[in-house]
Amino acid sequence: MNKYILLGDGHIPYILKKSARARRARLSVYRDGRVVVTVPWGATEALAERFVREKAQWIIRKVEYFKLHQGMNTPKSGKQDYLKHKGEALLLVKSRVEYFNKEYGFAYNKVNVKDQKTRWGSCSKKGNLNFSYRILFLAPEVRDLVIVHELCHLKEFNHSEKFWNLVAITVPDHKAIRKELRKSGLHIG
């Protein structure tokens, strides 16, 4: 269902989807400028509109980021792109995990590269480290931060001060990198 909200001089068009599987409101901004809000099946349209208003600045930054970086060498979403790049991404991620883990010495189970669309990486309770194949197209310092971030979740499964102190061991400028990411509309933890 196509909707929009008015904000000052402009408006934000968005697609509202209701999902029986959704537990909370979720927002996606795509490279082509589409904004999709997914809410639990029983949620009201007013809840979705309030959610979009709360996230308006983030949406605007994300849309501007995609406009600014239009045509850059990033893969389009799709199974073929995933299959084309997953091997190279897996080799890169495994080598960087091994490199950083020389410092940490954490035990982990598997390292996987997936076609994750909403996260750069994740760490499971079983010790599996999962990364989006799109990590291949990030700047090296950003890529390393994503990898170290997930690696440190093996020890601290939260974003406490202890966690960020662990990250700082190998990425001492993580705050500056995260600040630049936020400006661009990308986020890591």
N, C-alpha and C. Protein backbone atom coordinates (compact mmCIF):
# COMPACT_ATOMS: atom_id res chain seq x y z
N MET A 1 0.85 -1.16 0.00
CA MET A 1 0.00 0.00 0.00
C MET A 1 0.91 1.23 0.00
N ASN A 2 0.76 2.09 -1.00
CA ASN A 2 1.57 3.30 -1.11
C ASN A 2 1.04 4.40 -0.20
N LYS A 3 1.94 5.01 0.57
CA LYS A 3 1.58 6.08 1.51
C LYS A 3 2.63 7.18 1.41
N TYR A 4 2.40 8.27 2.08
CA TYR A 4 3.43 9.29 2.22
C TYR A 4 3.10 10.12 3.45
N ILE A 5 4.16 10.77 4.01
CA ILE A 5 3.95 11.71 5.10
C ILE A 5 4.56 13.04 4.70
N LEU A 6 3.94 14.11 5.15
CA LEU A 6 4.44 15.45 4.87
C LEU A 6 5.44 15.85 5.94
N LEU A 7 6.55 16.43 5.49
CA LEU A 7 7.59 16.92 6.39
C LEU A 7 8.03 18.29 5.92
N GLY A 8 7.66 19.32 6.60
CA GLY A 8 8.08 20.66 6.20
C GLY A 8 7.68 20.95 4.77
N ASP A 9 8.69 21.20 3.92
CA ASP A 9 8.42 21.54 2.52
C ASP A 9 8.23 20.31 1.63
N GLY A 10 8.61 19.15 2.12
CA GLY A 10 8.55 17.96 1.28
C GLY A 10 7.72 16.85 1.87
N HIS A 11 7.83 15.70 1.27
CA HIS A 11 7.13 14.53 1.78
C HIS A 11 7.99 13.29 1.53
N ILE A 12 7.72 12.26 2.29
CA ILE A 12 8.44 10.99 2.13
C ILE A 12 7.41 9.94 1.68
N PRO A 13 7.52 9.50 0.43
CA PRO A 13 6.64 8.41 0.00
C PRO A 13 7.20 7.08 0.52
N TYR A 14 6.32 6.19 0.92
CA TYR A 14 6.78 4.88 1.38
C TYR A 14 5.73 3.83 1.07
N ILE A 15 6.18 2.60 1.04
CA ILE A 15 5.31 1.46 0.83
C ILE A 15 5.09 0.81 2.18
N LEU A 16 3.84 0.62 2.55
CA LEU A 16 3.50 0.00 3.83
C LEU A 16 3.17 -1.47 3.59
N LYS A 17 3.88 -2.35 4.31
CA LYS A 17 3.60 -3.78 4.23
C LYS A 17 3.26 -4.28 5.62
N LYS A 18 2.27 -5.16 5.70
CA LYS A 18 1.94 -5.79 6.97
C LYS A 18 2.34 -7.25 6.88
N SER A 19 2.98 -7.73 7.93
CA SER A 19 3.50 -9.10 7.91
C SER A 19 3.12 -9.83 9.18
N ALA A 20 2.66 -11.05 9.03
CA ALA A 20 2.34 -11.89 10.19
C ALA A 20 3.62 -12.30 10.93
N ARG A 21 4.75 -12.30 10.22
CA ARG A 21 6.01 -12.71 10.85
C ARG A 21 6.73 -11.58 11.57
N ALA A 22 6.38 -10.33 11.24
CA ALA A 22 7.06 -9.17 11.84
C ALA A 22 6.69 -9.05 13.32
N ARG A 23 7.70 -8.82 14.15
CA ARG A 23 7.48 -8.63 15.59
C ARG A 23 7.47 -7.15 15.96
N ARG A 24 8.12 -6.33 15.11
CA ARG A 24 8.18 -4.89 15.35
C ARG A 24 8.28 -4.19 14.00
N ALA A 25 8.14 -2.89 14.01
CA ALA A 25 8.24 -2.11 12.78
C ALA A 25 9.67 -2.17 12.25
N ARG A 26 9.79 -2.28 10.94
CA ARG A 26 11.10 -2.38 10.29
C ARG A 26 11.11 -1.45 9.08
N LEU A 27 12.24 -0.88 8.80
CA LEU A 27 12.36 0.10 7.73
C LEU A 27 13.47 -0.31 6.79
N SER A 28 13.21 -0.23 5.48
CA SER A 28 14.24 -0.51 4.47
C SER A 28 14.24 0.60 3.45
N VAL A 29 15.43 1.07 3.11
CA VAL A 29 15.58 2.05 2.05
C VAL A 29 16.45 1.39 0.99
N TYR A 30 15.95 1.37 -0.24
CA TYR A 30 16.64 0.68 -1.32
C TYR A 30 17.38 1.66 -2.22
N ARG A 31 18.32 1.13 -2.94
CA ARG A 31 19.18 1.89 -3.83
C ARG A 31 18.39 2.74 -4.82
N ASP A 32 17.20 2.26 -5.24
CA ASP A 32 16.39 3.01 -6.20
C ASP A 32 15.53 4.09 -5.54
N GLY A 33 15.69 4.27 -4.21
CA GLY A 33 14.96 5.31 -3.50
C GLY A 33 13.67 4.86 -2.84
N ARG A 34 13.28 3.61 -3.07
CA ARG A 34 12.07 3.10 -2.42
C ARG A 34 12.26 3.01 -0.92
N VAL A 35 11.23 3.37 -0.19
CA VAL A 35 11.22 3.26 1.26
C VAL A 35 10.09 2.28 1.60
N VAL A 36 10.43 1.20 2.30
CA VAL A 36 9.44 0.19 2.66
C VAL A 36 9.38 0.07 4.17
N VAL A 37 8.17 0.20 4.71
CA VAL A 37 7.94 0.04 6.14
C VAL A 37 7.14 -1.23 6.33
N THR A 38 7.69 -2.15 7.11
CA THR A 38 7.00 -3.40 7.40
C THR A 38 6.61 -3.38 8.87
N VAL A 39 5.34 -3.65 9.14
CA VAL A 39 4.83 -3.64 10.52
C VAL A 39 4.11 -4.96 10.79
N PRO A 40 3.96 -5.31 12.07
CA PRO A 40 3.20 -6.52 12.40
C PRO A 40 1.77 -6.43 11.85
N TRP A 41 1.18 -7.56 11.58
CA TRP A 41 -0.13 -7.63 10.95
C TRP A 41 -1.19 -6.76 11.64
N GLY A 42 -1.24 -6.74 12.94
CA GLY A 42 -2.27 -6.01 13.66
C GLY A 42 -1.96 -4.53 13.90
N ALA A 43 -0.82 -4.05 13.45
CA ALA A 43 -0.43 -2.66 13.70
C ALA A 43 -1.28 -1.69 12.86
N THR A 44 -1.47 -0.51 13.39
CA THR A 44 -2.26 0.51 12.69
C THR A 44 -1.39 1.30 11.72
N GLU A 45 -2.04 1.95 10.78
CA GLU A 45 -1.31 2.82 9.85
C GLU A 45 -0.71 4.01 10.60
N ALA A 46 -1.36 4.42 11.66
CA ALA A 46 -0.85 5.54 12.47
C ALA A 46 0.49 5.17 13.10
N LEU A 47 0.63 3.92 13.54
CA LEU A 47 1.90 3.45 14.11
C LEU A 47 2.99 3.52 13.04
N ALA A 48 2.67 3.08 11.84
CA ALA A 48 3.65 3.10 10.74
C ALA A 48 4.05 4.54 10.43
N GLU A 49 3.09 5.45 10.38
CA GLU A 49 3.39 6.84 10.08
C GLU A 49 4.26 7.47 11.17
N ARG A 50 3.96 7.17 12.42
CA ARG A 50 4.77 7.69 13.54
C ARG A 50 6.20 7.16 13.43
N PHE A 51 6.34 5.89 13.07
CA PHE A 51 7.65 5.26 12.92
C PHE A 51 8.44 5.97 11.81
N VAL A 52 7.79 6.26 10.68
CA VAL A 52 8.46 6.94 9.58
C VAL A 52 8.87 8.35 10.00
N ARG A 53 8.01 9.05 10.73
CA ARG A 53 8.35 10.40 11.21
C ARG A 53 9.59 10.36 12.12
N GLU A 54 9.62 9.37 13.03
CA GLU A 54 10.76 9.24 13.95
C GLU A 54 12.06 8.99 13.20
N LYS A 55 11.98 8.27 12.09
CA LYS A 55 13.17 7.88 11.33
C LYS A 55 13.40 8.77 10.11
N ALA A 56 12.67 9.87 10.00
CA ALA A 56 12.71 10.71 8.80
C ALA A 56 14.12 11.16 8.44
N GLN A 57 14.89 11.64 9.41
CA GLN A 57 16.24 12.14 9.11
C GLN A 57 17.12 11.01 8.59
N TRP A 58 17.00 9.83 9.19
CA TRP A 58 17.77 8.68 8.74
C TRP A 58 17.37 8.31 7.31
N ILE A 59 16.07 8.32 7.02
CA ILE A 59 15.58 7.99 5.67
C ILE A 59 16.16 8.98 4.66
N ILE A 60 16.09 10.26 4.97
CA ILE A 60 16.59 11.30 4.06
C ILE A 60 18.09 11.11 3.80
N ARG A 61 18.85 10.86 4.88
CA ARG A 61 20.30 10.63 4.71
C ARG A 61 20.57 9.42 3.82
N LYS A 62 19.81 8.35 4.04
CA LYS A 62 20.00 7.12 3.27
C LYS A 62 19.67 7.34 1.80
N VAL A 63 18.55 8.01 1.52
CA VAL A 63 18.17 8.29 0.13
C VAL A 63 19.23 9.17 -0.54
N GLU A 64 19.72 10.19 0.19
CA GLU A 64 20.77 11.06 -0.35
C GLU A 64 22.06 10.28 -0.60
N TYR A 65 22.38 9.36 0.30
CA TYR A 65 23.58 8.53 0.13
C TYR A 65 23.49 7.74 -1.16
N PHE A 66 22.33 7.11 -1.40
CA PHE A 66 22.17 6.32 -2.62
C PHE A 66 22.22 7.19 -3.87
N LYS A 67 21.67 8.39 -3.81
CA LYS A 67 21.74 9.30 -4.95
C LYS A 67 23.20 9.68 -5.22
N LEU A 68 23.93 9.99 -4.16
CA LEU A 68 25.32 10.39 -4.27
C LEU A 68 26.19 9.28 -4.84
N HIS A 69 25.91 8.05 -4.45
CA HIS A 69 26.74 6.92 -4.86
C HIS A 69 26.13 6.12 -6.01
N GLN A 70 25.20 6.70 -6.73
CA GLN A 70 24.57 6.02 -7.85
C GLN A 70 25.62 5.65 -8.88
N GLY A 71 25.54 4.43 -9.36
CA GLY A 71 26.45 3.99 -10.41
C GLY A 71 27.82 3.55 -9.91
N MET A 72 28.05 3.58 -8.59
CA MET A 72 29.34 3.11 -8.08
C MET A 72 29.42 1.60 -8.22
N ASN A 73 30.59 1.07 -8.07
CA ASN A 73 30.83 -0.35 -8.27
C ASN A 73 30.34 -1.19 -7.08
N THR A 74 29.04 -1.21 -6.90
CA THR A 74 28.46 -2.08 -5.88
C THR A 74 27.48 -3.00 -6.56
N PRO A 75 27.42 -4.25 -6.12
CA PRO A 75 26.55 -5.19 -6.80
C PRO A 75 25.09 -4.90 -6.54
N LYS A 76 24.27 -5.21 -7.52
CA LYS A 76 22.83 -5.11 -7.32
C LYS A 76 22.40 -6.31 -6.50
N SER A 77 21.25 -6.19 -5.85
CA SER A 77 20.75 -7.33 -5.10
C SER A 77 20.28 -8.38 -6.08
N GLY A 78 20.58 -9.59 -5.79
CA GLY A 78 20.13 -10.67 -6.64
C GLY A 78 21.00 -11.89 -6.46
N LYS A 79 20.42 -13.03 -6.75
CA LYS A 79 21.11 -14.29 -6.55
C LYS A 79 22.38 -14.39 -7.41
N GLN A 80 22.32 -13.89 -8.65
CA GLN A 80 23.49 -13.98 -9.52
C GLN A 80 24.67 -13.18 -8.96
N ASP A 81 24.38 -11.99 -8.45
CA ASP A 81 25.46 -11.17 -7.88
C ASP A 81 26.04 -11.85 -6.65
N TYR A 82 25.17 -12.42 -5.84
CA TYR A 82 25.63 -13.14 -4.65
C TYR A 82 26.54 -14.30 -5.05
N LEU A 83 26.09 -15.12 -6.00
CA LEU A 83 26.88 -16.28 -6.43
C LEU A 83 28.20 -15.84 -7.06
N LYS A 84 28.18 -14.71 -7.77
CA LYS A 84 29.38 -14.21 -8.43
C LYS A 84 30.44 -13.76 -7.42
N HIS A 85 30.02 -13.15 -6.31
CA HIS A 85 30.96 -12.52 -5.38
C HIS A 85 31.18 -13.27 -4.07
N LYS A 86 30.38 -14.29 -3.79
CA LYS A 86 30.45 -14.91 -2.46
C LYS A 86 31.79 -15.58 -2.18
N GLY A 87 32.38 -16.24 -3.17
CA GLY A 87 33.67 -16.91 -2.96
C GLY A 87 34.78 -15.94 -2.59
N GLU A 88 34.86 -14.86 -3.35
CA GLU A 88 35.88 -13.84 -3.08
C GLU A 88 35.64 -13.19 -1.71
N ALA A 89 34.37 -12.92 -1.40
CA ALA A 89 34.04 -12.31 -0.10
C ALA A 89 34.40 -13.26 1.04
N LEU A 90 34.13 -14.54 0.87
CA LEU A 90 34.43 -15.52 1.93
C LEU A 90 35.94 -15.61 2.17
N LEU A 91 36.72 -15.64 1.11
CA LEU A 91 38.19 -15.68 1.28
C LEU A 91 38.68 -14.45 2.03
N LEU A 92 38.18 -13.28 1.64
CA LEU A 92 38.59 -12.03 2.29
C LEU A 92 38.20 -12.04 3.76
N VAL A 93 36.95 -12.38 4.04
CA VAL A 93 36.46 -12.35 5.43
C VAL A 93 37.23 -13.34 6.29
N LYS A 94 37.42 -14.56 5.80
CA LYS A 94 38.15 -15.57 6.59
C LYS A 94 39.58 -15.10 6.89
N SER A 95 40.22 -14.51 5.90
CA SER A 95 41.61 -14.08 6.14
C SER A 95 41.66 -12.94 7.16
N ARG A 96 40.70 -12.02 7.11
CA ARG A 96 40.69 -10.91 8.07
C ARG A 96 40.28 -11.39 9.46
N VAL A 97 39.35 -12.34 9.55
CA VAL A 97 38.98 -12.91 10.86
C VAL A 97 40.21 -13.56 11.49
N GLU A 98 40.94 -14.36 10.70
CA GLU A 98 42.15 -15.01 11.22
C GLU A 98 43.19 -13.96 11.64
N TYR A 99 43.37 -12.94 10.83
CA TYR A 99 44.34 -11.89 11.14
C TYR A 99 44.02 -11.21 12.47
N PHE A 100 42.78 -10.77 12.65
CA PHE A 100 42.41 -10.08 13.89
C PHE A 100 42.34 -11.02 15.08
N ASN A 101 41.98 -12.26 14.82
CA ASN A 101 41.84 -13.20 15.94
C ASN A 101 43.19 -13.63 16.51
N LYS A 102 44.28 -13.34 15.80
CA LYS A 102 45.61 -13.57 16.38
C LYS A 102 45.77 -12.73 17.64
N GLU A 103 45.16 -11.56 17.64
CA GLU A 103 45.20 -10.67 18.80
C GLU A 103 44.25 -11.14 19.90
N TYR A 104 43.05 -11.57 19.50
CA TYR A 104 42.01 -11.89 20.48
C TYR A 104 42.05 -13.35 20.97
N GLY A 105 42.29 -14.27 20.09
CA GLY A 105 42.32 -15.69 20.47
C GLY A 105 40.95 -16.25 20.84
N PHE A 106 39.87 -15.74 20.24
CA PHE A 106 38.53 -16.22 20.53
C PHE A 106 38.24 -17.51 19.77
N ALA A 107 37.45 -18.37 20.39
CA ALA A 107 37.01 -19.59 19.72
C ALA A 107 35.74 -19.28 18.95
N TYR A 108 35.71 -19.67 17.68
CA TYR A 108 34.49 -19.49 16.89
C TYR A 108 34.22 -20.77 16.12
N ASN A 109 33.01 -20.91 15.67
CA ASN A 109 32.58 -22.12 14.99
C ASN A 109 32.81 -21.99 13.48
N LYS A 110 31.89 -21.35 12.78
CA LYS A 110 31.99 -21.21 11.32
C LYS A 110 32.01 -19.74 10.92
N VAL A 111 32.62 -19.48 9.77
CA VAL A 111 32.55 -18.16 9.15
C VAL A 111 31.78 -18.35 7.85
N ASN A 112 30.69 -17.60 7.71
CA ASN A 112 29.82 -17.73 6.53
C ASN A 112 29.66 -16.39 5.85
N VAL A 113 29.45 -16.45 4.55
CA VAL A 113 29.07 -15.27 3.77
C VAL A 113 27.71 -15.57 3.19
N LYS A 114 26.78 -14.64 3.43
CA LYS A 114 25.39 -14.84 3.01
C LYS A 114 24.92 -13.63 2.20
N ASP A 115 23.72 -13.76 1.68
CA ASP A 115 23.10 -12.65 0.96
C ASP A 115 22.23 -11.86 1.92
N GLN A 116 22.83 -11.40 3.02
CA GLN A 116 22.11 -10.62 4.03
C GLN A 116 21.82 -9.24 3.46
N LYS A 117 20.59 -8.80 3.59
CA LYS A 117 20.20 -7.52 2.99
C LYS A 117 20.10 -6.40 4.02
N THR A 118 19.97 -6.74 5.28
CA THR A 118 19.76 -5.69 6.28
C THR A 118 20.92 -5.56 7.26
N ARG A 119 21.87 -6.46 7.21
CA ARG A 119 23.01 -6.42 8.14
C ARG A 119 24.31 -6.64 7.40
N TRP A 120 25.36 -6.00 7.89
CA TRP A 120 26.69 -6.26 7.36
C TRP A 120 27.25 -7.54 7.94
N GLY A 121 26.86 -7.84 9.19
CA GLY A 121 27.36 -9.05 9.82
C GLY A 121 26.53 -9.40 11.03
N SER A 122 26.75 -10.61 11.53
CA SER A 122 26.08 -11.04 12.75
C SER A 122 26.92 -12.14 13.39
N CYS A 123 26.68 -12.33 14.68
CA CYS A 123 27.37 -13.36 15.45
C CYS A 123 26.30 -14.14 16.20
N SER A 124 26.29 -15.46 16.02
CA SER A 124 25.26 -16.26 16.68
C SER A 124 25.75 -16.75 18.04
N LYS A 125 24.81 -17.16 18.86
CA LYS A 125 25.15 -17.71 20.19
C LYS A 125 26.00 -18.98 20.06
N LYS A 126 25.92 -19.65 18.90
CA LYS A 126 26.72 -20.86 18.66
C LYS A 126 28.14 -20.54 18.22
N GLY A 127 28.45 -19.24 18.09
CA GLY A 127 29.80 -18.85 17.69
C GLY A 127 30.01 -18.79 16.18
N ASN A 128 28.93 -18.73 15.41
CA ASN A 128 29.05 -18.59 13.97
C ASN A 128 29.14 -17.10 13.61
N LEU A 129 30.07 -16.76 12.75
CA LEU A 129 30.23 -15.39 12.28
C LEU A 129 29.69 -15.33 10.85
N ASN A 130 28.69 -14.48 10.64
CA ASN A 130 28.04 -14.37 9.34
C ASN A 130 28.22 -12.96 8.81
N PHE A 131 28.49 -12.86 7.51
CA PHE A 131 28.71 -11.56 6.89
C PHE A 131 27.98 -11.49 5.55
N SER A 132 27.56 -10.28 5.21
CA SER A 132 26.97 -10.05 3.89
C SER A 132 28.10 -10.08 2.86
N TYR A 133 27.83 -10.69 1.71
CA TYR A 133 28.86 -10.70 0.66
C TYR A 133 29.20 -9.29 0.21
N ARG A 134 28.30 -8.34 0.46
CA ARG A 134 28.51 -6.94 0.05
C ARG A 134 29.65 -6.27 0.84
N ILE A 135 30.12 -6.93 1.90
CA ILE A 135 31.25 -6.40 2.68
C ILE A 135 32.46 -6.21 1.78
N LEU A 136 32.50 -6.98 0.72
CA LEU A 136 33.58 -6.92 -0.26
C LEU A 136 33.73 -5.52 -0.85
N PHE A 137 32.64 -4.75 -0.89
CA PHE A 137 32.62 -3.46 -1.57
C PHE A 137 32.74 -2.28 -0.61
N LEU A 138 32.99 -2.56 0.67
CA LEU A 138 33.19 -1.49 1.64
C LEU A 138 34.65 -1.04 1.61
N ALA A 139 34.89 0.17 2.08
CA ALA A 139 36.27 0.64 2.25
C ALA A 139 36.98 -0.29 3.24
N PRO A 140 38.28 -0.53 3.07
CA PRO A 140 38.99 -1.47 3.94
C PRO A 140 38.83 -1.21 5.43
N GLU A 141 38.88 0.07 5.87
CA GLU A 141 38.77 0.35 7.30
C GLU A 141 37.36 0.05 7.82
N VAL A 142 36.36 0.24 6.97
CA VAL A 142 34.99 -0.08 7.36
C VAL A 142 34.80 -1.59 7.42
N ARG A 143 35.29 -2.25 6.41
CA ARG A 143 35.24 -3.72 6.35
C ARG A 143 35.88 -4.32 7.61
N ASP A 144 37.05 -3.82 7.97
CA ASP A 144 37.73 -4.34 9.16
C ASP A 144 36.93 -4.08 10.42
N LEU A 145 36.30 -2.92 10.51
CA LEU A 145 35.47 -2.63 11.68
C LEU A 145 34.31 -3.61 11.78
N VAL A 146 33.66 -3.90 10.66
CA VAL A 146 32.55 -4.87 10.67
C VAL A 146 33.05 -6.23 11.17
N ILE A 147 34.18 -6.67 10.67
CA ILE A 147 34.72 -7.98 11.04
C ILE A 147 35.10 -8.01 12.51
N VAL A 148 35.80 -7.00 12.97
CA VAL A 148 36.21 -6.95 14.38
C VAL A 148 34.98 -6.85 15.28
N HIS A 149 34.00 -6.07 14.86
CA HIS A 149 32.75 -5.91 15.61
C HIS A 149 32.12 -7.29 15.88
N GLU A 150 31.97 -8.09 14.83
CA GLU A 150 31.35 -9.42 15.02
C GLU A 150 32.26 -10.35 15.80
N LEU A 151 33.55 -10.26 15.57
CA LEU A 151 34.51 -11.09 16.31
C LEU A 151 34.43 -10.81 17.80
N CYS A 152 34.31 -9.55 18.19
CA CYS A 152 34.26 -9.17 19.60
C CYS A 152 32.95 -9.60 20.27
N HIS A 153 31.91 -9.83 19.47
CA HIS A 153 30.66 -10.35 20.04
C HIS A 153 30.84 -11.79 20.55
N LEU A 154 31.88 -12.46 20.15
CA LEU A 154 32.14 -13.80 20.69
C LEU A 154 32.44 -13.73 22.19
N LYS A 155 33.02 -12.62 22.62
CA LYS A 155 33.36 -12.43 24.04
C LYS A 155 32.29 -11.63 24.78
N GLU A 156 31.81 -10.57 24.16
CA GLU A 156 30.80 -9.68 24.75
C GLU A 156 29.60 -9.62 23.80
N PHE A 157 28.52 -10.29 24.15
CA PHE A 157 27.35 -10.38 23.27
C PHE A 157 26.43 -9.19 23.52
N ASN A 158 26.99 -7.99 23.46
CA ASN A 158 26.25 -6.76 23.73
C ASN A 158 27.06 -5.60 23.17
N HIS A 159 26.62 -4.38 23.42
CA HIS A 159 27.37 -3.20 22.98
C HIS A 159 27.77 -2.35 24.19
N SER A 160 28.24 -3.02 25.22
CA SER A 160 28.65 -2.34 26.46
C SER A 160 30.01 -1.66 26.26
N GLU A 161 30.43 -0.96 27.29
CA GLU A 161 31.76 -0.34 27.26
C GLU A 161 32.85 -1.40 27.11
N LYS A 162 32.66 -2.55 27.78
CA LYS A 162 33.63 -3.65 27.66
C LYS A 162 33.76 -4.09 26.20
N PHE A 163 32.61 -4.18 25.52
CA PHE A 163 32.61 -4.58 24.12
C PHE A 163 33.43 -3.59 23.28
N TRP A 164 33.14 -2.29 23.41
CA TRP A 164 33.83 -1.30 22.59
C TRP A 164 35.31 -1.20 22.96
N ASN A 165 35.66 -1.50 24.21
CA ASN A 165 37.07 -1.55 24.60
C ASN A 165 37.79 -2.69 23.88
N LEU A 166 37.09 -3.81 23.71
CA LEU A 166 37.66 -4.93 22.94
C LEU A 166 37.88 -4.52 21.48
N VAL A 167 36.89 -3.89 20.90
CA VAL A 167 37.00 -3.44 19.51
C VAL A 167 38.20 -2.51 19.36
N ALA A 168 38.38 -1.61 20.33
CA ALA A 168 39.45 -0.60 20.27
C ALA A 168 40.85 -1.20 20.28
N ILE A 169 40.98 -2.44 20.73
CA ILE A 169 42.30 -3.08 20.74
C ILE A 169 42.89 -3.13 19.33
N THR A 170 42.05 -3.47 18.33
CA THR A 170 42.56 -3.59 16.96
C THR A 170 42.05 -2.50 16.02
N VAL A 171 40.99 -1.80 16.43
CA VAL A 171 40.47 -0.68 15.63
C VAL A 171 40.32 0.52 16.55
N PRO A 172 41.44 1.16 16.91
CA PRO A 172 41.39 2.25 17.88
C PRO A 172 40.57 3.46 17.42
N ASP A 173 40.42 3.63 16.10
CA ASP A 173 39.65 4.77 15.59
C ASP A 173 38.22 4.38 15.21
N HIS A 174 37.68 3.35 15.88
CA HIS A 174 36.34 2.85 15.55
C HIS A 174 35.27 3.93 15.69
N LYS A 175 35.42 4.85 16.64
CA LYS A 175 34.41 5.90 16.83
C LYS A 175 34.33 6.80 15.60
N ALA A 176 35.47 7.19 15.08
CA ALA A 176 35.50 8.06 13.89
C ALA A 176 34.92 7.34 12.68
N ILE A 177 35.25 6.07 12.52
CA ILE A 177 34.72 5.29 11.39
C ILE A 177 33.20 5.17 11.51
N ARG A 178 32.71 4.88 12.70
CA ARG A 178 31.27 4.76 12.91
C ARG A 178 30.56 6.09 12.66
N LYS A 179 31.19 7.19 13.05
CA LYS A 179 30.60 8.51 12.83
C LYS A 179 30.46 8.79 11.33
N GLU A 180 31.49 8.47 10.56
CA GLU A 180 31.43 8.65 9.11
C GLU A 180 30.35 7.75 8.50
N LEU A 181 30.23 6.55 9.01
CA LEU A 181 29.20 5.63 8.52
C LEU A 181 27.81 6.19 8.76
N ARG A 182 27.59 6.73 9.94
CA ARG A 182 26.27 7.29 10.27
C ARG A 182 25.92 8.42 9.32
N LYS A 183 26.91 9.26 8.99
CA LYS A 183 26.68 10.36 8.06
C LYS A 183 26.25 9.82 6.69
N SER A 184 26.81 8.68 6.31
CA SER A 184 26.50 8.11 4.99
C SER A 184 25.21 7.30 5.00
N GLY A 185 24.65 7.06 6.18
CA GLY A 185 23.41 6.29 6.25
C GLY A 185 23.64 4.82 6.54
N LEU A 186 24.90 4.41 6.70
CA LEU A 186 25.19 3.03 7.05
C LEU A 186 25.46 2.93 8.54
N HIS A 187 25.15 1.80 9.12
CA HIS A 187 25.33 1.65 10.56
C HIS A 187 25.96 0.30 10.89
N ILE A 188 26.78 0.32 11.92
CA ILE A 188 27.31 -0.91 12.51
C ILE A 188 27.10 -0.79 13.99
N GLY A 189 26.30 -1.65 14.53
CA GLY A 189 26.05 -1.72 15.96
C GLY A 189 25.95 -0.46 16.75
